Amino acid sequence: KKFFTLRVARHWNRLPREAVDAPSLEMFKARLDEALGNLV
């Protein structure tokens, strides 16, 4: 069986360090939006 945490960990580890280390949820969302926007 695949647990949620195992499925999500791979994606979390691929996130840019700037997003992961964000000091707040708002900053995380902003940095994640920026990182995902750069992929498209």
Protein backbone atom coordinates (compact mmCIF):
# COMPACT_ATOMS: atom_id res chain seq x y z
CA LYS A 1 0.00 0.00 0.00
CA LYS A 2 1.12 3.52 -0.65
CA PHE A 3 0.70 5.86 2.24
CA PHE A 4 -0.03 9.55 1.77
CA THR A 5 3.23 10.58 3.40
CA LEU A 6 5.30 8.40 1.08
CA ARG A 7 3.56 9.77 -2.00
CA VAL A 8 3.89 13.39 -0.89
CA ALA A 9 7.50 13.21 0.32
CA ARG A 10 8.85 12.83 -3.21
CA HIS A 11 7.06 15.99 -4.35
CA TRP A 12 7.97 17.91 -1.19
CA ASN A 13 11.65 17.07 -1.66
CA ARG A 14 11.53 18.47 -5.20
CA LEU A 15 10.27 21.88 -4.09
CA PRO A 16 12.70 24.78 -4.24
CA ARG A 17 14.49 25.39 -0.95
CA GLU A 18 13.24 29.01 -0.90
CA ALA A 19 9.63 27.80 -0.74
CA VAL A 20 10.26 25.10 1.86
CA ASP A 21 12.15 27.49 4.14
CA ALA A 22 9.49 30.20 3.95
CA PRO A 23 8.78 31.73 7.37
CA SER A 24 5.00 31.79 6.93
CA LEU A 25 2.23 30.09 5.01
CA GLU A 26 1.64 33.22 2.95
CA MET A 27 5.29 33.38 1.93
CA PHE A 28 5.27 29.65 1.16
CA LYS A 29 2.26 30.09 -1.14
CA ALA A 30 3.81 33.07 -2.90
CA ARG A 31 7.12 31.31 -3.44
CA LEU A 32 5.39 28.12 -4.56
CA ASP A 33 3.30 30.07 -7.08
CA GLU A 34 6.47 31.66 -8.40
CA ALA A 35 8.27 28.31 -8.67
CA LEU A 36 5.34 26.63 -10.41
CA GLY A 37 4.94 29.57 -12.76
CA ASN A 38 8.53 29.14 -13.86
CA LEU A 39 7.80 25.55 -14.89
CA VAL A 40 5.16 26.54 -17.43
